[in-house]
Amino acid sequence: MASLTQLEYVLAVEKHRHFGKAARACHISQPTLSAQIQKLEDEIGFVLFDRLKKPVIPTDRGARYLAVAKTVIREYGKLAQFSGSDKEVSGELRLGIIPTIAPYLLPLFLTDFTQRYPKAKLIVEELKTESILRALEEDRLDAAI
């Protein structure tokens, strides 16, 4: 499973289209960045970037993965905004997520969320996209991925 750091690294490579520039932007060495991305690719079972092209570009499957990674980082940033009043957050958060990405995304933030917000109750519903949109419109979900 990808770590948030690995997701930040792959997004940096996508942004800079160059491993060395991405490493500098992340304040790490290029070999460290390359090793982390290679480790992630080994874990997910496919290559994220076509390294033979200059500038480096995402593969088709990599581009789809990067789109989800952007969402994860953006949503995690929203969770981080609660810092400082973590213990005071309570109530329910009703989250809709499509089944194809749930096994990949939920582990990235579920443990951290429950530890940071012990008084909050996270209710996750795996639904098809159409059902998620309807549930959001009908106020049966607070957020969706």
C-alpha atoms as a PDB file:
ATOM      1  CA  MET A   1       0.000   0.000   0.000  1.00  0.00           C
ATOM      2  CA  ALA A   2       1.279   3.432  -0.903  1.00  0.00           C
ATOM      3  CA  SER A   3       2.366   5.792   1.828  1.00  0.00           C
ATOM      4  CA  LEU A   4       1.438   9.459   1.695  1.00  0.00           C
ATOM      5  CA  THR A   5       5.113  10.237   1.179  1.00  0.00           C
ATOM      6  CA  GLN A   6       5.287   7.953  -1.858  1.00  0.00           C
ATOM      7  CA  LEU A   7       2.175   9.613  -3.269  1.00  0.00           C
ATOM      8  CA  GLU A   8       3.793  13.024  -2.794  1.00  0.00           C
ATOM      9  CA  TYR A   9       6.889  11.767  -4.608  1.00  0.00           C
ATOM     10  CA  VAL A  10       4.977  10.441  -7.626  1.00  0.00           C
ATOM     11  CA  LEU A  11       2.995  13.674  -7.831  1.00  0.00           C
ATOM     12  CA  ALA A  12       6.263  15.633  -7.765  1.00  0.00           C
ATOM     13  CA  VAL A  13       7.585  13.557 -10.674  1.00  0.00           C
ATOM     14  CA  GLU A  14       4.361  14.179 -12.567  1.00  0.00           C
ATOM     15  CA  LYS A  15       4.629  17.918 -11.909  1.00  0.00           C
ATOM     16  CA  HIS A  16       8.322  18.319 -12.756  1.00  0.00           C
ATOM     17  CA  ARG A  17       8.512  15.564 -15.423  1.00  0.00           C
ATOM     18  CA  HIS A  18      12.022  14.817 -14.188  1.00  0.00           C
ATOM     19  CA  PHE A  19      13.210  12.618 -11.319  1.00  0.00           C
ATOM     20  CA  GLY A  20      16.091  14.914 -10.333  1.00  0.00           C
ATOM     21  CA  LYS A  21      13.927  18.052 -10.249  1.00  0.00           C
ATOM     22  CA  ALA A  22      11.205  16.209  -8.338  1.00  0.00           C
ATOM     23  CA  ALA A  23      13.768  14.994  -5.790  1.00  0.00           C
ATOM     24  CA  ARG A  24      15.055  18.538  -5.272  1.00  0.00           C
ATOM     25  CA  ALA A  25      11.489  19.809  -4.810  1.00  0.00           C
ATOM     26  CA  CYS A  26      10.921  17.085  -2.189  1.00  0.00           C
ATOM     27  CA  HIS A  27      14.274  17.867  -0.494  1.00  0.00           C
ATOM     28  CA  ILE A  28      15.581  14.325  -0.956  1.00  0.00           C
ATOM     29  CA  SER A  29      18.203  12.681  -3.125  1.00  0.00           C
ATOM     30  CA  GLN A  30      17.283  11.419  -6.578  1.00  0.00           C
ATOM     31  CA  PRO A  31      18.231   7.805  -5.701  1.00  0.00           C
ATOM     32  CA  THR A  32      15.925   7.941  -2.657  1.00  0.00           C
ATOM     33  CA  LEU A  33      13.034   9.236  -4.759  1.00  0.00           C
ATOM     34  CA  SER A  34      13.660   6.633  -7.459  1.00  0.00           C
ATOM     35  CA  ALA A  35      13.853   3.828  -4.906  1.00  0.00           C
ATOM     36  CA  GLN A  36      10.570   4.853  -3.277  1.00  0.00           C
ATOM     37  CA  ILE A  37       8.769   5.067  -6.606  1.00  0.00           C
ATOM     38  CA  GLN A  38      10.217   1.712  -7.688  1.00  0.00           C
ATOM     39  CA  LYS A  39       9.078   0.182  -4.391  1.00  0.00           C
ATOM     40  CA  LEU A  40       5.575   1.556  -4.955  1.00  0.00           C
ATOM     41  CA  GLU A  41       5.509   0.245  -8.528  1.00  0.00           C
ATOM     42  CA  ASP A  42       6.560  -3.192  -7.268  1.00  0.00           C
ATOM     43  CA  GLU A  43       3.750  -3.121  -4.695  1.00  0.00           C
ATOM     44  CA  ILE A  44       1.016  -2.043  -7.114  1.00  0.00           C
ATOM     45  CA  GLY A  45       2.249  -4.260  -9.926  1.00  0.00           C
ATOM     46  CA  PHE A  46       2.602  -1.747 -12.740  1.00  0.00           C
ATOM     47  CA  VAL A  47       4.888   1.041 -13.951  1.00  0.00           C
ATOM     48  CA  LEU A  48       3.751   4.598 -13.238  1.00  0.00           C
ATOM     49  CA  PHE A  49       6.122   6.483 -15.550  1.00  0.00           C
ATOM     50  CA  ASP A  50       7.665   5.933 -18.963  1.00  0.00           C
ATOM     51  CA  ARG A  51      11.267   6.612 -18.063  1.00  0.00           C
ATOM     52  CA  LEU A  52      12.507   6.303 -21.652  1.00  0.00           C
ATOM     53  CA  LYS A  53      10.735   9.477 -22.725  1.00  0.00           C
ATOM     54  CA  LYS A  54      12.164  12.882 -21.944  1.00  0.00           C
ATOM     55  CA  PRO A  55      10.505  14.550 -20.211  1.00  0.00           C
ATOM     56  CA  VAL A  56       9.271  11.637 -18.095  1.00  0.00           C
ATOM     57  CA  ILE A  57       5.552  11.026 -18.611  1.00  0.00           C
ATOM     58  CA  PRO A  58       3.013   8.830 -16.827  1.00  0.00           C
ATOM     59  CA  THR A  59       1.928   5.594 -18.458  1.00  0.00           C
ATOM     60  CA  ASP A  60      -1.798   5.327 -19.219  1.00  0.00           C
ATOM     61  CA  ARG A  61      -2.374   3.298 -16.079  1.00  0.00           C
ATOM     62  CA  GLY A  62      -0.025   5.582 -14.170  1.00  0.00           C
ATOM     63  CA  ALA A  63      -2.069   8.633 -15.186  1.00  0.00           C
ATOM     64  CA  ARG A  64      -5.209   7.037 -13.728  1.00  0.00           C
ATOM     65  CA  TYR A  65      -3.326   6.182 -10.535  1.00  0.00           C
ATOM     66  CA  LEU A  66      -1.984   9.741 -10.271  1.00  0.00           C
ATOM     67  CA  ALA A  67      -5.499  11.173 -10.560  1.00  0.00           C
ATOM     68  CA  VAL A  68      -6.530   9.125  -7.527  1.00  0.00           C
ATOM     69  CA  ALA A  69      -3.298  10.049  -5.707  1.00  0.00           C
ATOM     70  CA  LYS A  70      -4.121  13.745  -6.162  1.00  0.00           C
ATOM     71  CA  THR A  71      -7.520  13.171  -4.586  1.00  0.00           C
ATOM     72  CA  VAL A  72      -5.988  11.305  -1.653  1.00  0.00           C
ATOM     73  CA  ILE A  73      -3.443  14.060  -0.966  1.00  0.00           C
ATOM     74  CA  ARG A  74      -6.095  16.780  -1.293  1.00  0.00           C
ATOM     75  CA  GLU A  75      -8.511  14.983   1.044  1.00  0.00           C
ATOM     76  CA  TYR A  76      -5.747  14.208   3.523  1.00  0.00           C
ATOM     77  CA  GLY A  77      -4.907  17.908   3.540  1.00  0.00           C
ATOM     78  CA  LYS A  78      -8.492  18.639   4.521  1.00  0.00           C
ATOM     79  CA  LEU A  79      -8.181  16.211   7.420  1.00  0.00           C
ATOM     80  CA  ALA A  80      -4.946  17.876   8.504  1.00  0.00           C
ATOM     81  CA  GLN A  81      -6.772  21.198   8.828  1.00  0.00           C
ATOM     82  CA  PHE A  82      -8.407  19.839  11.952  1.00  0.00           C
ATOM     83  CA  SER A  83      -5.033  19.872  13.734  1.00  0.00           C
ATOM     84  CA  GLY A  84      -5.027  21.795  16.959  1.00  0.00           C
ATOM     85  CA  SER A  85      -8.569  20.863  17.846  1.00  0.00           C
ATOM     86  CA  ASP A  86      -8.247  17.155  17.079  1.00  0.00           C
ATOM     87  CA  LYS A  87      -9.639  15.903  20.359  1.00  0.00           C
ATOM     88  CA  GLU A  88     -12.697  18.126  20.054  1.00  0.00           C
ATOM     89  CA  VAL A  89     -13.887  16.832  16.687  1.00  0.00           C
ATOM     90  CA  SER A  90     -16.942  14.662  17.172  1.00  0.00           C
ATOM     91  CA  GLY A  91     -20.034  13.535  15.324  1.00  0.00           C
ATOM     92  CA  GLU A  92     -20.427  11.486  12.184  1.00  0.00           C
ATOM     93  CA  LEU A  93     -18.711  11.773   8.834  1.00  0.00           C
ATOM     94  CA  ARG A  94     -20.616   9.855   6.175  1.00  0.00           C
ATOM     95  CA  LEU A  95     -18.183   9.030   3.378  1.00  0.00           C
ATOM     96  CA  GLY A  96     -19.097   7.448   0.055  1.00  0.00           C
ATOM     97  CA  ILE A  97     -16.435   5.658  -1.963  1.00  0.00           C
ATOM     98  CA  ILE A  98     -16.532   3.565  -5.109  1.00  0.00           C
ATOM     99  CA  PRO A  99     -15.690  -0.109  -4.490  1.00  0.00           C
ATOM    100  CA  THR A 100     -12.852  -0.244  -7.017  1.00  0.00           C
ATOM    101  CA  ILE A 101     -10.711   2.241  -5.084  1.00  0.00           C
ATOM    102  CA  ALA A 102     -11.897   1.622  -1.518  1.00  0.00           C
ATOM    103  CA  PRO A 103      -9.306  -1.084  -0.745  1.00  0.00           C
ATOM    104  CA  TYR A 104      -6.520   1.226  -1.897  1.00  0.00           C
ATOM    105  CA  LEU A 105      -7.596   4.539  -0.376  1.00  0.00           C
ATOM    106  CA  LEU A 106      -9.177   3.626   2.944  1.00  0.00           C
ATOM    107  CA  PRO A 107      -6.030   2.113   4.469  1.00  0.00           C
ATOM    108  CA  LEU A 108      -4.141   5.318   3.650  1.00  0.00           C
ATOM    109  CA  PHE A 109      -6.127   7.420   6.090  1.00  0.00           C
ATOM    110  CA  LEU A 110      -8.464   5.239   8.156  1.00  0.00           C
ATOM    111  CA  THR A 111      -6.104   4.430  11.041  1.00  0.00           C
ATOM    112  CA  ASP A 112      -4.774   7.979  11.203  1.00  0.00           C
ATOM    113  CA  PHE A 113      -8.306   9.410  11.142  1.00  0.00           C
ATOM    114  CA  THR A 114      -9.543   7.225  14.003  1.00  0.00           C
ATOM    115  CA  GLN A 115      -6.463   7.991  16.094  1.00  0.00           C
ATOM    116  CA  ARG A 116      -6.661  11.744  15.485  1.00  0.00           C
ATOM    117  CA  TYR A 117     -10.412  11.997  15.970  1.00  0.00           C
ATOM    118  CA  PRO A 118     -11.408   9.370  18.532  1.00  0.00           C
ATOM    119  CA  LYS A 119     -14.767  11.038  19.175  1.00  0.00           C
ATOM    120  CA  ALA A 120     -15.693  11.132  15.491  1.00  0.00           C
ATOM    121  CA  LYS A 121     -17.563   8.272  13.868  1.00  0.00           C
ATOM    122  CA  LEU A 122     -16.600   7.544  10.263  1.00  0.00           C
ATOM    123  CA  ILE A 123     -19.319   5.780   8.312  1.00  0.00           C
ATOM    124  CA  VAL A 124     -18.032   4.467   4.988  1.00  0.00           C
ATOM    125  CA  GLU A 125     -20.410   3.356   2.253  1.00  0.00           C
ATOM    126  CA  GLU A 126     -19.147   1.634  -0.868  1.00  0.00           C
ATOM    127  CA  LEU A 127     -21.444   2.696  -3.698  1.00  0.00           C
ATOM    128  CA  LYS A 128     -21.455   3.060  -7.464  1.00  0.00           C
ATOM    129  CA  THR A 129     -20.806   6.563  -8.765  1.00  0.00           C
ATOM    130  CA  GLU A 130     -24.465   7.234  -9.608  1.00  0.00           C
ATOM    131  CA  SER A 131     -25.543   6.172  -6.112  1.00  0.00           C
ATOM    132  CA  ILE A 132     -22.874   8.350  -4.525  1.00  0.00           C
ATOM    133  CA  LEU A 133     -24.033  11.401  -6.475  1.00  0.00           C
ATOM    134  CA  ARG A 134     -27.652  10.749  -5.521  1.00  0.00           C
ATOM    135  CA  ALA A 135     -26.721  10.248  -1.842  1.00  0.00           C
ATOM    136  CA  LEU A 136     -24.776  13.529  -1.838  1.00  0.00           C
ATOM    137  CA  GLU A 137     -27.710  15.382  -3.396  1.00  0.00           C
ATOM    138  CA  GLU A 138     -30.090  13.848  -0.850  1.00  0.00           C
ATOM    139  CA  ASP A 139     -27.722  14.714   2.032  1.00  0.00           C
ATOM    140  CA  ARG A 140     -27.212  11.058   2.959  1.00  0.00           C
ATOM    141  CA  LEU A 141     -23.431  11.487   2.530  1.00  0.00           C
ATOM    142  CA  ASP A 142     -21.166  14.294   3.717  1.00  0.00           C
ATOM    143  CA  ALA A 143     -18.312  13.609   1.299  1.00  0.00           C
ATOM    144  CA  ALA A 144     -17.278  11.188  -1.416  1.00  0.00           C
ATOM    145  CA  ILE A 145     -14.179   9.902  -3.143  1.00  0.00           C
END
